[in-house]
Amino acid sequence: MKAILVLMAPGFEEIEFTAPVDILRRLGVKVTTAGVKGTEVEGAHGITMRADTLLSDVQSADYAGIVLPGGGASWLLRDTPAVLELVREFHAAGKPVAAICAAPIVLEAAGVLTGRRITCYPAEGVTNDIKSAATITGALTETDGNIITGRGPGAAAEFGFALGTYLSYEVSTLRAEMQF
């Protein structure tokens, strides 16, 4: 299997990045992280992490899916044309497109949410930015076709498990080992 691509932009919500990446790697999924503005990326709570590569070096054909952590980085991701193009390419190819917390605004901007059931951070600043015909459920996670969404930081582990399930990995043993 090709790697799953996880984007990192300044202000990303650290737990929404680390929990899914950790869970996917424990399941045996290859994960590649890509910095949008550089390889040293500071999260929302002052934790700096190093990306494996740069967004400018990414080709969608090299990856089996994309994950967008949320937090304040969501608006930067939404306003980066290369990110929107990647989301459209993954979606058009039927590959998983996953976004948590505020990051579904990126999927909205890319035009891939119409008619979908999604979840996102329940603040007006996020829900008001999702103007498509998507239905926001408020669930911890939602999977609708190849779109996987998570509500927020408290759903980060469940979001990781939802991704693993979508990728056809057996998550029940890992979930029990991690006591979820």
C-alpha atoms as a PDB file:
ATOM      1  CA  MET A   1       0.000   0.000   0.000  1.00  0.00           C
ATOM      2  CA  LYS A   2       1.119   3.532  -0.750  1.00  0.00           C
ATOM      3  CA  ALA A   3       1.516   5.947   2.112  1.00  0.00           C
ATOM      4  CA  ILE A   4      -1.186   8.121   3.610  1.00  0.00           C
ATOM      5  CA  LEU A   5      -0.266  11.805   3.393  1.00  0.00           C
ATOM      6  CA  VAL A   6      -0.823  14.002   6.468  1.00  0.00           C
ATOM      7  CA  LEU A   7      -0.444  17.756   6.030  1.00  0.00           C
ATOM      8  CA  MET A   8       1.142  20.015   8.653  1.00  0.00           C
ATOM      9  CA  ALA A   9       0.586  23.776   8.647  1.00  0.00           C
ATOM     10  CA  PRO A  10       1.462  26.313  11.345  1.00  0.00           C
ATOM     11  CA  GLY A  11      -1.172  26.269  14.084  1.00  0.00           C
ATOM     12  CA  PHE A  12      -2.297  22.658  13.513  1.00  0.00           C
ATOM     13  CA  GLU A  13      -3.996  21.007  16.485  1.00  0.00           C
ATOM     14  CA  GLU A  14      -1.283  18.645  17.727  1.00  0.00           C
ATOM     15  CA  ILE A  15      -3.530  15.855  19.068  1.00  0.00           C
ATOM     16  CA  GLU A  16      -5.488  15.793  15.803  1.00  0.00           C
ATOM     17  CA  PHE A  17      -2.187  15.141  14.063  1.00  0.00           C
ATOM     18  CA  THR A  18      -0.474  12.756  16.491  1.00  0.00           C
ATOM     19  CA  ALA A  19      -3.386  10.473  17.398  1.00  0.00           C
ATOM     20  CA  PRO A  20      -4.346   9.495  13.811  1.00  0.00           C
ATOM     21  CA  VAL A  21      -0.695   9.202  12.724  1.00  0.00           C
ATOM     22  CA  ASP A  22       0.110   7.022  15.751  1.00  0.00           C
ATOM     23  CA  ILE A  23      -2.937   4.786  15.245  1.00  0.00           C
ATOM     24  CA  LEU A  24      -2.291   4.364  11.519  1.00  0.00           C
ATOM     25  CA  ARG A  25       1.361   3.503  12.097  1.00  0.00           C
ATOM     26  CA  ARG A  26       0.438   0.988  14.832  1.00  0.00           C
ATOM     27  CA  LEU A  27      -1.866  -0.639  12.268  1.00  0.00           C
ATOM     28  CA  GLY A  28       1.056  -0.914   9.838  1.00  0.00           C
ATOM     29  CA  VAL A  29       0.019   1.917   7.536  1.00  0.00           C
ATOM     30  CA  LYS A  30       2.872   3.896   6.005  1.00  0.00           C
ATOM     31  CA  VAL A  31       2.357   7.589   6.844  1.00  0.00           C
ATOM     32  CA  THR A  32       4.199  10.515   5.277  1.00  0.00           C
ATOM     33  CA  THR A  33       3.904  13.991   6.777  1.00  0.00           C
ATOM     34  CA  ALA A  34       4.233  17.099   4.605  1.00  0.00           C
ATOM     35  CA  GLY A  35       4.840  20.639   5.787  1.00  0.00           C
ATOM     36  CA  VAL A  36       2.883  23.308   3.968  1.00  0.00           C
ATOM     37  CA  LYS A  37       5.253  26.168   4.875  1.00  0.00           C
ATOM     38  CA  GLY A  38       8.400  24.267   5.868  1.00  0.00           C
ATOM     39  CA  THR A  39       9.595  21.089   7.527  1.00  0.00           C
ATOM     40  CA  GLU A  40       9.670  22.565  11.063  1.00  0.00           C
ATOM     41  CA  VAL A  41       6.029  23.218  11.961  1.00  0.00           C
ATOM     42  CA  GLU A  42       4.762  24.725  15.199  1.00  0.00           C
ATOM     43  CA  GLY A  43       1.377  23.538  16.374  1.00  0.00           C
ATOM     44  CA  ALA A  44      -1.398  25.442  18.124  1.00  0.00           C
ATOM     45  CA  HIS A  45       0.070  24.756  21.569  1.00  0.00           C
ATOM     46  CA  GLY A  46       3.708  25.538  20.868  1.00  0.00           C
ATOM     47  CA  ILE A  47       4.857  22.005  20.034  1.00  0.00           C
ATOM     48  CA  THR A  48       7.172  22.004  17.025  1.00  0.00           C
ATOM     49  CA  MET A  49       7.306  18.879  14.878  1.00  0.00           C
ATOM     50  CA  ARG A  50       9.339  17.954  11.831  1.00  0.00           C
ATOM     51  CA  ALA A  51       7.612  16.971   8.596  1.00  0.00           C
ATOM     52  CA  ASP A  52       8.995  14.203   6.394  1.00  0.00           C
ATOM     53  CA  THR A  53       8.738  16.304   3.236  1.00  0.00           C
ATOM     54  CA  LEU A  54       7.390  19.557   1.845  1.00  0.00           C
ATOM     55  CA  LEU A  55       3.990  20.055   0.231  1.00  0.00           C
ATOM     56  CA  SER A  56       5.775  21.356  -2.872  1.00  0.00           C
ATOM     57  CA  ASP A  57       7.397  17.914  -3.312  1.00  0.00           C
ATOM     58  CA  VAL A  58       4.131  15.947  -3.051  1.00  0.00           C
ATOM     59  CA  GLN A  59       2.453  14.170  -5.963  1.00  0.00           C
ATOM     60  CA  SER A  60      -1.014  12.758  -5.229  1.00  0.00           C
ATOM     61  CA  ALA A  61      -0.301   9.628  -7.291  1.00  0.00           C
ATOM     62  CA  ASP A  62       2.301   8.610  -4.692  1.00  0.00           C
ATOM     63  CA  TYR A  63      -0.264   8.420  -1.873  1.00  0.00           C
ATOM     64  CA  ALA A  64      -3.323   6.354  -1.030  1.00  0.00           C
ATOM     65  CA  GLY A  65      -5.143   9.146   0.833  1.00  0.00           C
ATOM     66  CA  ILE A  66      -4.833  12.492   2.575  1.00  0.00           C
ATOM     67  CA  VAL A  67      -5.458  13.641   6.163  1.00  0.00           C
ATOM     68  CA  LEU A  68      -5.964  17.246   7.262  1.00  0.00           C
ATOM     69  CA  PRO A  69      -5.556  17.969  10.983  1.00  0.00           C
ATOM     70  CA  GLY A  70      -7.587  20.945  12.185  1.00  0.00           C
ATOM     71  CA  GLY A  71      -7.023  23.870  14.467  1.00  0.00           C
ATOM     72  CA  GLY A  72      -6.049  27.344  13.336  1.00  0.00           C
ATOM     73  CA  ALA A  73      -4.080  25.818  10.465  1.00  0.00           C
ATOM     74  CA  SER A  74      -7.372  24.984   8.753  1.00  0.00           C
ATOM     75  CA  TRP A  75      -7.766  28.490   7.329  1.00  0.00           C
ATOM     76  CA  LEU A  76      -4.196  28.467   5.993  1.00  0.00           C
ATOM     77  CA  LEU A  77      -4.861  25.077   4.364  1.00  0.00           C
ATOM     78  CA  ARG A  78      -8.129  26.410   2.903  1.00  0.00           C
ATOM     79  CA  ASP A  79      -6.326  29.415   1.427  1.00  0.00           C
ATOM     80  CA  THR A  80      -3.484  27.386  -0.145  1.00  0.00           C
ATOM     81  CA  PRO A  81      -4.327  26.545  -3.784  1.00  0.00           C
ATOM     82  CA  ALA A  82      -1.951  23.542  -3.843  1.00  0.00           C
ATOM     83  CA  VAL A  83      -3.821  21.992  -0.892  1.00  0.00           C
ATOM     84  CA  LEU A  84      -7.209  22.482  -2.568  1.00  0.00           C
ATOM     85  CA  GLU A  85      -5.876  20.915  -5.765  1.00  0.00           C
ATOM     86  CA  LEU A  86      -4.535  17.899  -3.850  1.00  0.00           C
ATOM     87  CA  VAL A  87      -7.873  17.413  -2.092  1.00  0.00           C
ATOM     88  CA  ARG A  88      -9.667  17.513  -5.459  1.00  0.00           C
ATOM     89  CA  GLU A  89      -7.199  15.024  -6.971  1.00  0.00           C
ATOM     90  CA  PHE A  90      -7.562  12.552  -4.087  1.00  0.00           C
ATOM     91  CA  HIS A  91     -11.345  12.886  -4.146  1.00  0.00           C
ATOM     92  CA  ALA A  92     -11.599  12.468  -7.935  1.00  0.00           C
ATOM     93  CA  ALA A  93      -9.469   9.315  -7.684  1.00  0.00           C
ATOM     94  CA  GLY A  94     -11.801   7.893  -5.005  1.00  0.00           C
ATOM     95  CA  LYS A  95      -9.020   7.955  -2.418  1.00  0.00           C
ATOM     96  CA  PRO A  96      -9.828   8.741   1.234  1.00  0.00           C
ATOM     97  CA  VAL A  97      -9.968  12.427   2.090  1.00  0.00           C
ATOM     98  CA  ALA A  98     -10.014  12.919   5.860  1.00  0.00           C
ATOM     99  CA  ALA A  99     -10.400  16.150   7.844  1.00  0.00           C
ATOM    100  CA  ILE A 100     -10.961  16.796  11.537  1.00  0.00           C
ATOM    101  CA  CYS A 101     -12.136  19.748  13.638  1.00  0.00           C
ATOM    102  CA  ALA A 102     -12.105  22.926  11.514  1.00  0.00           C
ATOM    103  CA  ALA A 103     -10.363  21.244   8.547  1.00  0.00           C
ATOM    104  CA  PRO A 104     -13.628  20.295   6.784  1.00  0.00           C
ATOM    105  CA  ILE A 105     -13.658  23.969   5.672  1.00  0.00           C
ATOM    106  CA  VAL A 106     -10.830  22.921   3.338  1.00  0.00           C
ATOM    107  CA  LEU A 107     -13.040  20.202   1.855  1.00  0.00           C
ATOM    108  CA  GLU A 108     -15.813  22.789   1.441  1.00  0.00           C
ATOM    109  CA  ALA A 109     -13.451  25.166  -0.377  1.00  0.00           C
ATOM    110  CA  ALA A 110     -12.305  22.289  -2.606  1.00  0.00           C
ATOM    111  CA  GLY A 111     -15.947  21.585  -3.521  1.00  0.00           C
ATOM    112  CA  VAL A 112     -16.091  17.955  -2.379  1.00  0.00           C
ATOM    113  CA  LEU A 113     -18.763  18.083   0.370  1.00  0.00           C
ATOM    114  CA  THR A 114     -22.010  18.503  -1.553  1.00  0.00           C
ATOM    115  CA  GLY A 115     -24.536  15.899  -0.468  1.00  0.00           C
ATOM    116  CA  ARG A 116     -22.260  14.421   2.200  1.00  0.00           C
ATOM    117  CA  ARG A 117     -22.811  13.690   5.888  1.00  0.00           C
ATOM    118  CA  ILE A 118     -19.931  15.187   7.831  1.00  0.00           C
ATOM    119  CA  THR A 119     -18.955  16.305  11.289  1.00  0.00           C
ATOM    120  CA  CYS A 120     -16.732  19.183  12.331  1.00  0.00           C
ATOM    121  CA  TYR A 121     -15.901  21.420  15.259  1.00  0.00           C
ATOM    122  CA  PRO A 122     -19.250  22.784  16.471  1.00  0.00           C
ATOM    123  CA  ALA A 123     -18.291  26.490  16.540  1.00  0.00           C
ATOM    124  CA  GLU A 124     -20.133  28.968  14.353  1.00  0.00           C
ATOM    125  CA  GLY A 125     -16.834  30.115  12.847  1.00  0.00           C
ATOM    126  CA  VAL A 126     -16.471  26.630  11.389  1.00  0.00           C
ATOM    127  CA  THR A 127     -20.053  25.588  10.660  1.00  0.00           C
ATOM    128  CA  ASN A 128     -20.808  28.944   9.014  1.00  0.00           C
ATOM    129  CA  ASP A 129     -17.850  28.405   6.668  1.00  0.00           C
ATOM    130  CA  ILE A 130     -19.423  25.172   5.427  1.00  0.00           C
ATOM    131  CA  LYS A 131     -22.067  26.463   3.069  1.00  0.00           C
ATOM    132  CA  SER A 132     -22.423  23.435   0.810  1.00  0.00           C
ATOM    133  CA  ALA A 133     -25.286  21.010   0.845  1.00  0.00           C
ATOM    134  CA  ALA A 134     -23.416  18.883   3.390  1.00  0.00           C
ATOM    135  CA  THR A 135     -25.288  17.711   6.480  1.00  0.00           C
ATOM    136  CA  ILE A 136     -23.350  18.353   9.693  1.00  0.00           C
ATOM    137  CA  THR A 137     -24.273  15.592  12.148  1.00  0.00           C
ATOM    138  CA  GLY A 138     -22.259  16.461  15.246  1.00  0.00           C
ATOM    139  CA  ALA A 139     -21.127  12.823  15.621  1.00  0.00           C
ATOM    140  CA  LEU A 140     -17.573  12.051  16.802  1.00  0.00           C
ATOM    141  CA  THR A 141     -16.724  10.791  13.307  1.00  0.00           C
ATOM    142  CA  GLU A 142     -18.521  10.411  10.017  1.00  0.00           C
ATOM    143  CA  THR A 143     -17.584   8.359   6.988  1.00  0.00           C
ATOM    144  CA  ASP A 144     -19.540   9.097   3.808  1.00  0.00           C
ATOM    145  CA  GLY A 145     -18.050   7.497   0.750  1.00  0.00           C
ATOM    146  CA  ASN A 146     -14.371   8.443   0.676  1.00  0.00           C
ATOM    147  CA  ILE A 147     -14.874  11.465   2.988  1.00  0.00           C
ATOM    148  CA  ILE A 148     -13.927  10.845   6.645  1.00  0.00           C
ATOM    149  CA  THR A 149     -14.448  13.641   9.170  1.00  0.00           C
ATOM    150  CA  GLY A 150     -13.931  14.076  12.900  1.00  0.00           C
ATOM    151  CA  ARG A 151     -15.523  16.550  15.304  1.00  0.00           C
ATOM    152  CA  GLY A 152     -12.488  17.885  17.171  1.00  0.00           C
ATOM    153  CA  PRO A 153      -9.592  17.207  19.552  1.00  0.00           C
ATOM    154  CA  GLY A 154     -11.637  14.846  21.736  1.00  0.00           C
ATOM    155  CA  ALA A 155     -12.430  12.736  18.678  1.00  0.00           C
ATOM    156  CA  ALA A 156      -8.827  12.442  17.450  1.00  0.00           C
ATOM    157  CA  ALA A 157      -8.374   8.768  18.395  1.00  0.00           C
ATOM    158  CA  GLU A 158     -11.787   7.760  17.034  1.00  0.00           C
ATOM    159  CA  PHE A 159     -10.918   9.660  13.846  1.00  0.00           C
ATOM    160  CA  GLY A 160      -7.724   7.573  13.578  1.00  0.00           C
ATOM    161  CA  PHE A 161      -9.695   4.359  14.109  1.00  0.00           C
ATOM    162  CA  ALA A 162     -12.275   5.456  11.483  1.00  0.00           C
ATOM    163  CA  LEU A 163      -9.447   5.980   9.011  1.00  0.00           C
ATOM    164  CA  GLY A 164      -7.983   2.571   9.816  1.00  0.00           C
ATOM    165  CA  THR A 165     -11.395   0.960   9.351  1.00  0.00           C
ATOM    166  CA  TYR A 166     -11.892   2.733   6.025  1.00  0.00           C
ATOM    167  CA  LEU A 167      -8.507   1.417   4.879  1.00  0.00           C
ATOM    168  CA  SER A 168      -9.739  -2.119   5.745  1.00  0.00           C
ATOM    169  CA  TYR A 169      -7.540  -2.618   8.782  1.00  0.00           C
ATOM    170  CA  GLU A 170      -8.864  -4.562  11.766  1.00  0.00           C
ATOM    171  CA  VAL A 171      -8.891  -1.946  14.516  1.00  0.00           C
ATOM    172  CA  SER A 172     -10.628  -3.863  17.325  1.00  0.00           C
ATOM    173  CA  THR A 173      -7.438  -5.440  18.723  1.00  0.00           C
ATOM    174  CA  LEU A 174      -5.576  -2.130  18.699  1.00  0.00           C
ATOM    175  CA  ARG A 175      -8.598  -0.359  20.197  1.00  0.00           C
ATOM    176  CA  ALA A 176      -8.647  -2.918  23.043  1.00  0.00           C
ATOM    177  CA  GLU A 177      -4.882  -2.661  23.584  1.00  0.00           C
ATOM    178  CA  MET A 178      -5.204   1.122  23.778  1.00  0.00           C
ATOM    179  CA  GLN A 179      -8.297   0.719  25.984  1.00  0.00           C
ATOM    180  CA  PHE A 180     -10.668   2.695  23.772  1.00  0.00           C
END
